[in-house]
């Protein structure tokens, strides 16, 4: 039960934060926090993408987090797989996204039956 609560709490925080930060950058043209986003922004810049134009992808990823969390709560296979994928995509969102994603990935892999995998 504790593992399930941790996964739900961390996934909820990650999903909501991605939604809020994505909405904020769309509205204000900058992210919440320091002026320069984390290391992930350097990776995007190296690929020719503007990190400050990532509001919509952040909102999509945040929504995916929440949808997959619902799927996990309903004990659907796609919820487990979706949270694993969302976690992998959020690993570069240092520091909180990285730590939260690692917690979820480890929990999902080691405790499949306790987090809701049928």
N, C-alpha and C. Protein backbone atom coordinates (compact mmCIF):
# COMPACT_ATOMS: atom_id res chain seq x y z
N UNK A 1 0.81 -1.19 0.00
CA UNK A 1 0.00 0.00 0.00
C UNK A 1 0.86 1.26 0.00
N UNK A 2 1.96 1.24 0.77
CA UNK A 2 2.83 2.42 0.85
C UNK A 2 3.47 2.72 -0.50
N UNK A 3 3.85 1.68 -1.22
CA UNK A 3 4.47 1.87 -2.54
C UNK A 3 3.46 2.52 -3.48
N UNK A 4 2.25 2.06 -3.44
CA UNK A 4 1.19 2.61 -4.30
C UNK A 4 0.94 4.08 -3.98
N UNK A 5 0.91 4.43 -2.70
CA UNK A 5 0.70 5.81 -2.29
C UNK A 5 1.84 6.70 -2.76
N UNK A 6 3.06 6.21 -2.65
CA UNK A 6 4.23 6.98 -3.10
C UNK A 6 4.16 7.21 -4.60
N UNK A 7 3.85 6.16 -5.36
CA UNK A 7 3.75 6.29 -6.82
C UNK A 7 2.66 7.29 -7.19
N UNK A 8 1.51 7.19 -6.55
CA UNK A 8 0.40 8.10 -6.85
C UNK A 8 0.80 9.54 -6.52
N UNK A 9 1.40 9.76 -5.37
CA UNK A 9 1.77 11.11 -4.95
C UNK A 9 2.81 11.72 -5.89
N UNK A 10 3.85 10.96 -6.21
CA UNK A 10 4.92 11.48 -7.07
C UNK A 10 4.41 11.71 -8.49
N UNK A 11 3.61 10.79 -9.01
CA UNK A 11 3.06 10.96 -10.36
C UNK A 11 2.13 12.16 -10.41
N UNK A 12 1.33 12.34 -9.39
CA UNK A 12 0.43 13.49 -9.33
C UNK A 12 1.23 14.79 -9.30
N UNK A 13 2.28 14.84 -8.49
CA UNK A 13 3.12 16.03 -8.43
C UNK A 13 3.81 16.30 -9.77
N UNK A 14 4.38 15.27 -10.37
CA UNK A 14 5.05 15.46 -11.67
C UNK A 14 4.07 15.94 -12.73
N UNK A 15 2.91 15.30 -12.80
CA UNK A 15 1.92 15.68 -13.81
C UNK A 15 1.41 17.09 -13.63
N UNK A 16 1.06 17.43 -12.40
CA UNK A 16 0.56 18.78 -12.14
C UNK A 16 1.64 19.83 -12.38
N UNK A 17 2.87 19.52 -11.97
CA UNK A 17 3.95 20.49 -12.18
C UNK A 17 4.20 20.73 -13.67
N UNK A 18 4.19 19.67 -14.46
CA UNK A 18 4.38 19.83 -15.90
C UNK A 18 3.26 20.67 -16.50
N UNK A 19 2.03 20.44 -16.07
CA UNK A 19 0.89 21.24 -16.55
C UNK A 19 1.05 22.72 -16.15
N UNK A 20 1.40 22.96 -14.91
CA UNK A 20 1.53 24.33 -14.42
C UNK A 20 2.69 25.04 -15.11
N UNK A 21 3.85 24.37 -15.18
CA UNK A 21 5.02 25.00 -15.79
C UNK A 21 4.81 25.23 -17.29
N UNK A 22 4.16 24.30 -17.96
CA UNK A 22 3.85 24.46 -19.38
C UNK A 22 2.89 25.61 -19.62
N UNK A 23 1.88 25.72 -18.78
CA UNK A 23 0.93 26.82 -18.89
C UNK A 23 1.60 28.16 -18.60
N UNK A 24 2.48 28.16 -17.62
CA UNK A 24 3.18 29.39 -17.24
C UNK A 24 4.08 29.89 -18.37
N UNK A 25 4.81 28.98 -18.99
CA UNK A 25 5.70 29.41 -20.08
C UNK A 25 4.90 29.89 -21.29
N UNK A 26 3.73 29.32 -21.51
CA UNK A 26 2.88 29.82 -22.59
C UNK A 26 2.38 31.23 -22.30
N UNK A 27 2.02 31.48 -21.04
CA UNK A 27 1.46 32.77 -20.67
C UNK A 27 2.52 33.85 -20.49
N UNK A 28 3.66 33.49 -19.90
CA UNK A 28 4.66 34.49 -19.51
C UNK A 28 5.93 34.47 -20.35
N UNK A 29 6.14 33.40 -21.12
CA UNK A 29 7.35 33.31 -21.93
C UNK A 29 8.58 32.88 -21.16
N UNK A 30 8.39 32.45 -19.92
CA UNK A 30 9.49 31.94 -19.10
C UNK A 30 8.94 30.88 -18.17
N UNK A 31 9.85 30.06 -17.66
CA UNK A 31 9.44 29.00 -16.75
C UNK A 31 9.43 29.51 -15.32
N UNK A 32 8.73 28.80 -14.46
CA UNK A 32 8.75 29.10 -13.03
C UNK A 32 10.15 28.78 -12.52
N UNK A 33 10.71 29.63 -11.73
CA UNK A 33 12.04 29.38 -11.18
C UNK A 33 13.07 30.28 -11.82
N UNK A 34 14.32 29.81 -11.85
CA UNK A 34 15.40 30.64 -12.38
C UNK A 34 15.18 30.97 -13.86
N UNK A 35 15.82 32.05 -14.31
CA UNK A 35 15.65 32.49 -15.69
C UNK A 35 16.04 31.46 -16.73
N UNK A 36 17.09 30.70 -16.45
CA UNK A 36 17.55 29.66 -17.38
C UNK A 36 17.02 28.30 -16.93
N UNK A 37 16.26 27.63 -17.78
CA UNK A 37 15.78 26.28 -17.41
C UNK A 37 16.94 25.31 -17.22
N UNK A 38 16.62 24.13 -16.74
CA UNK A 38 17.62 23.11 -16.43
C UNK A 38 18.38 22.58 -17.63
N UNK A 39 19.19 21.55 -17.38
CA UNK A 39 20.04 20.97 -18.43
C UNK A 39 19.29 20.50 -19.67
N UNK A 40 18.04 20.12 -19.50
CA UNK A 40 17.25 19.66 -20.65
C UNK A 40 17.15 20.75 -21.71
N UNK A 41 17.18 22.02 -21.30
CA UNK A 41 17.06 23.11 -22.27
C UNK A 41 18.29 23.18 -23.18
N UNK A 42 19.43 22.81 -22.65
CA UNK A 42 20.65 22.78 -23.47
C UNK A 42 20.56 21.68 -24.53
N UNK A 43 19.97 20.56 -24.15
CA UNK A 43 19.80 19.46 -25.10
C UNK A 43 18.86 19.87 -26.23
N UNK A 44 17.78 20.54 -25.86
CA UNK A 44 16.84 21.01 -26.89
C UNK A 44 17.49 22.05 -27.79
N UNK A 45 18.25 22.99 -27.20
CA UNK A 45 18.92 24.02 -27.99
C UNK A 45 19.91 23.38 -28.96
N UNK A 46 20.60 22.34 -28.52
CA UNK A 46 21.56 21.65 -29.38
C UNK A 46 20.87 21.00 -30.58
N UNK A 47 19.59 20.68 -30.42
CA UNK A 47 18.81 20.08 -31.52
C UNK A 47 18.11 21.15 -32.34
N UNK A 48 18.38 22.42 -32.02
CA UNK A 48 17.79 23.52 -32.78
C UNK A 48 16.39 23.92 -32.33
N UNK A 49 15.98 23.46 -31.16
CA UNK A 49 14.65 23.78 -30.64
C UNK A 49 14.76 24.86 -29.56
N UNK A 50 13.77 25.74 -29.51
CA UNK A 50 13.74 26.79 -28.51
C UNK A 50 13.07 26.25 -27.25
N UNK A 51 13.81 26.17 -26.12
CA UNK A 51 13.23 25.64 -24.89
C UNK A 51 12.03 26.44 -24.39
N UNK A 52 11.96 27.71 -24.76
CA UNK A 52 10.86 28.55 -24.30
C UNK A 52 9.61 28.40 -25.18
N UNK A 53 9.65 27.51 -26.14
CA UNK A 53 8.50 27.19 -26.98
C UNK A 53 7.97 25.79 -26.67
N UNK A 54 8.29 25.28 -25.48
CA UNK A 54 7.92 23.92 -25.11
C UNK A 54 6.71 23.85 -24.20
N UNK A 55 5.94 24.93 -24.13
CA UNK A 55 4.76 24.95 -23.27
C UNK A 55 3.75 23.87 -23.62
N UNK A 56 3.42 23.75 -24.89
CA UNK A 56 2.42 22.75 -25.30
C UNK A 56 2.93 21.33 -25.04
N UNK A 57 4.18 20.98 -25.40
CA UNK A 57 4.65 19.63 -25.05
C UNK A 57 4.64 19.37 -23.54
N UNK A 58 4.94 20.38 -22.74
CA UNK A 58 4.88 20.21 -21.29
C UNK A 58 3.45 19.91 -20.84
N UNK A 59 2.50 20.65 -21.40
CA UNK A 59 1.09 20.43 -21.06
C UNK A 59 0.64 19.04 -21.49
N UNK A 60 1.05 18.62 -22.66
CA UNK A 60 0.70 17.28 -23.16
C UNK A 60 1.30 16.21 -22.24
N UNK A 61 2.57 16.37 -21.87
CA UNK A 61 3.21 15.39 -21.00
C UNK A 61 2.57 15.40 -19.61
N UNK A 62 2.24 16.57 -19.09
CA UNK A 62 1.57 16.64 -17.79
C UNK A 62 0.21 15.95 -17.83
N UNK A 63 -0.52 16.16 -18.91
CA UNK A 63 -1.82 15.50 -19.07
C UNK A 63 -1.64 13.99 -19.20
N UNK A 64 -0.61 13.57 -19.90
CA UNK A 64 -0.33 12.13 -20.03
C UNK A 64 -0.01 11.52 -18.67
N UNK A 65 0.77 12.22 -17.86
CA UNK A 65 1.07 11.75 -16.50
C UNK A 65 -0.24 11.47 -15.75
N UNK A 66 -1.14 12.45 -15.78
CA UNK A 66 -2.38 12.31 -15.02
C UNK A 66 -3.29 11.23 -15.59
N UNK A 67 -3.36 11.14 -16.91
CA UNK A 67 -4.18 10.10 -17.54
C UNK A 67 -3.64 8.71 -17.21
N UNK A 68 -2.34 8.55 -17.27
CA UNK A 68 -1.73 7.24 -16.97
C UNK A 68 -1.87 6.90 -15.50
N UNK A 69 -1.83 7.90 -14.65
CA UNK A 69 -2.06 7.68 -13.22
C UNK A 69 -3.48 7.16 -13.00
N UNK A 70 -4.44 7.73 -13.71
CA UNK A 70 -5.81 7.24 -13.64
C UNK A 70 -5.89 5.80 -14.13
N UNK A 71 -5.20 5.51 -15.24
CA UNK A 71 -5.18 4.14 -15.75
C UNK A 71 -4.59 3.17 -14.74
N UNK A 72 -3.53 3.59 -14.05
CA UNK A 72 -2.92 2.74 -13.03
C UNK A 72 -3.91 2.52 -11.88
N UNK A 73 -4.59 3.59 -11.47
CA UNK A 73 -5.56 3.47 -10.39
C UNK A 73 -6.70 2.52 -10.75
N UNK A 74 -7.04 2.48 -12.04
CA UNK A 74 -8.09 1.57 -12.52
C UNK A 74 -7.55 0.19 -12.88
N UNK A 75 -6.25 -0.02 -12.58
CA UNK A 75 -5.56 -1.30 -12.81
C UNK A 75 -5.55 -1.71 -14.28
N UNK A 76 -5.33 -0.74 -15.14
CA UNK A 76 -5.21 -0.99 -16.57
C UNK A 76 -3.73 -1.14 -16.93
N UNK A 77 -3.42 -2.11 -17.80
CA UNK A 77 -2.02 -2.31 -18.21
C UNK A 77 -1.42 -1.05 -18.80
N UNK A 78 -2.19 -0.31 -19.58
CA UNK A 78 -1.67 0.88 -20.24
C UNK A 78 -1.28 1.96 -19.23
N UNK A 79 -1.89 1.95 -18.04
CA UNK A 79 -1.52 2.92 -17.01
C UNK A 79 -0.11 2.68 -16.52
N UNK A 80 0.24 1.42 -16.28
CA UNK A 80 1.58 1.06 -15.84
C UNK A 80 2.60 1.42 -16.92
N UNK A 81 2.33 0.99 -18.15
CA UNK A 81 3.24 1.27 -19.26
C UNK A 81 3.35 2.78 -19.49
N UNK A 82 2.23 3.47 -19.45
CA UNK A 82 2.24 4.92 -19.66
C UNK A 82 3.04 5.66 -18.62
N UNK A 83 2.90 5.29 -17.34
CA UNK A 83 3.69 5.94 -16.30
C UNK A 83 5.17 5.66 -16.48
N UNK A 84 5.49 4.46 -16.92
CA UNK A 84 6.90 4.13 -17.18
C UNK A 84 7.45 5.03 -18.29
N UNK A 85 6.68 5.20 -19.36
CA UNK A 85 7.11 6.04 -20.48
C UNK A 85 7.19 7.51 -20.05
N UNK A 86 6.18 8.00 -19.34
CA UNK A 86 6.21 9.39 -18.86
C UNK A 86 7.42 9.62 -17.96
N UNK A 87 7.71 8.65 -17.10
CA UNK A 87 8.88 8.77 -16.22
C UNK A 87 10.17 8.84 -17.03
N UNK A 88 10.28 7.99 -18.04
CA UNK A 88 11.48 8.00 -18.87
C UNK A 88 11.63 9.35 -19.59
N UNK A 89 10.52 9.91 -20.07
CA UNK A 89 10.56 11.20 -20.77
C UNK A 89 10.86 12.37 -19.83
N UNK A 90 10.63 12.18 -18.55
CA UNK A 90 10.81 13.26 -17.58
C UNK A 90 12.15 13.17 -16.85
N UNK A 91 12.94 12.16 -17.13
CA UNK A 91 14.23 12.00 -16.44
C UNK A 91 15.15 13.21 -16.60
N UNK A 92 15.08 13.90 -17.71
CA UNK A 92 15.95 15.05 -17.94
C UNK A 92 15.48 16.34 -17.30
N UNK A 93 14.35 16.29 -16.61
CA UNK A 93 13.77 17.48 -15.99
C UNK A 93 14.34 17.61 -14.57
N UNK A 94 15.62 18.01 -14.51
CA UNK A 94 16.40 18.08 -13.27
C UNK A 94 15.92 19.24 -12.42
N UNK A 95 15.88 19.10 -11.10
CA UNK A 95 16.17 17.93 -10.29
C UNK A 95 14.94 17.12 -9.93
N UNK A 96 13.78 17.79 -9.80
CA UNK A 96 12.61 17.10 -9.26
C UNK A 96 12.05 16.04 -10.19
N UNK A 97 11.99 16.35 -11.47
CA UNK A 97 11.49 15.37 -12.43
C UNK A 97 12.37 14.13 -12.47
N UNK A 98 13.67 14.33 -12.35
CA UNK A 98 14.61 13.20 -12.37
C UNK A 98 14.39 12.31 -11.16
N UNK A 99 14.39 12.91 -9.98
CA UNK A 99 14.23 12.14 -8.75
C UNK A 99 12.87 11.44 -8.73
N UNK A 100 11.81 12.18 -9.03
CA UNK A 100 10.48 11.59 -9.04
C UNK A 100 10.35 10.46 -10.05
N UNK A 101 10.92 10.67 -11.23
CA UNK A 101 10.85 9.64 -12.27
C UNK A 101 11.61 8.38 -11.87
N UNK A 102 12.76 8.56 -11.24
CA UNK A 102 13.52 7.39 -10.78
C UNK A 102 12.76 6.62 -9.71
N UNK A 103 12.13 7.34 -8.80
CA UNK A 103 11.32 6.68 -7.77
C UNK A 103 10.20 5.87 -8.41
N UNK A 104 9.54 6.45 -9.39
CA UNK A 104 8.42 5.75 -10.03
C UNK A 104 8.91 4.56 -10.84
N UNK A 105 9.97 4.73 -11.62
CA UNK A 105 10.49 3.62 -12.43
C UNK A 105 10.89 2.44 -11.54
N UNK A 106 11.62 2.73 -10.48
CA UNK A 106 12.05 1.65 -9.57
C UNK A 106 10.83 0.99 -8.93
N UNK A 107 9.88 1.80 -8.47
CA UNK A 107 8.67 1.25 -7.85
C UNK A 107 7.86 0.40 -8.82
N UNK A 108 7.72 0.89 -10.04
CA UNK A 108 6.95 0.14 -11.04
C UNK A 108 7.60 -1.19 -11.36
N UNK A 109 8.91 -1.19 -11.50
CA UNK A 109 9.61 -2.41 -11.89
C UNK A 109 9.67 -3.41 -10.73
N UNK A 110 9.98 -2.93 -9.55
CA UNK A 110 10.17 -3.85 -8.42
C UNK A 110 8.86 -4.29 -7.75
N UNK A 111 7.84 -3.48 -7.86
CA UNK A 111 6.60 -3.76 -7.15
C UNK A 111 5.38 -3.72 -8.05
N UNK A 112 5.44 -4.40 -9.17
CA UNK A 112 4.34 -4.36 -10.14
C UNK A 112 2.98 -4.60 -9.49
N UNK A 113 2.85 -5.64 -8.73
CA UNK A 113 1.54 -5.99 -8.19
C UNK A 113 1.08 -4.99 -7.13
N UNK A 114 1.99 -4.34 -6.46
CA UNK A 114 1.60 -3.42 -5.38
C UNK A 114 1.22 -2.04 -5.89
N UNK A 115 1.61 -1.68 -7.10
CA UNK A 115 1.24 -0.36 -7.60
C UNK A 115 0.05 -0.41 -8.54
N UNK A 116 -0.44 -1.60 -8.81
CA UNK A 116 -1.67 -1.68 -9.60
C UNK A 116 -1.54 -2.40 -10.91
N UNK A 117 -0.38 -3.00 -11.21
CA UNK A 117 -0.25 -3.75 -12.45
C UNK A 117 -1.04 -5.03 -12.29
N UNK A 118 -1.97 -5.29 -13.19
CA UNK A 118 -2.83 -6.48 -13.03
C UNK A 118 -2.06 -7.79 -13.10
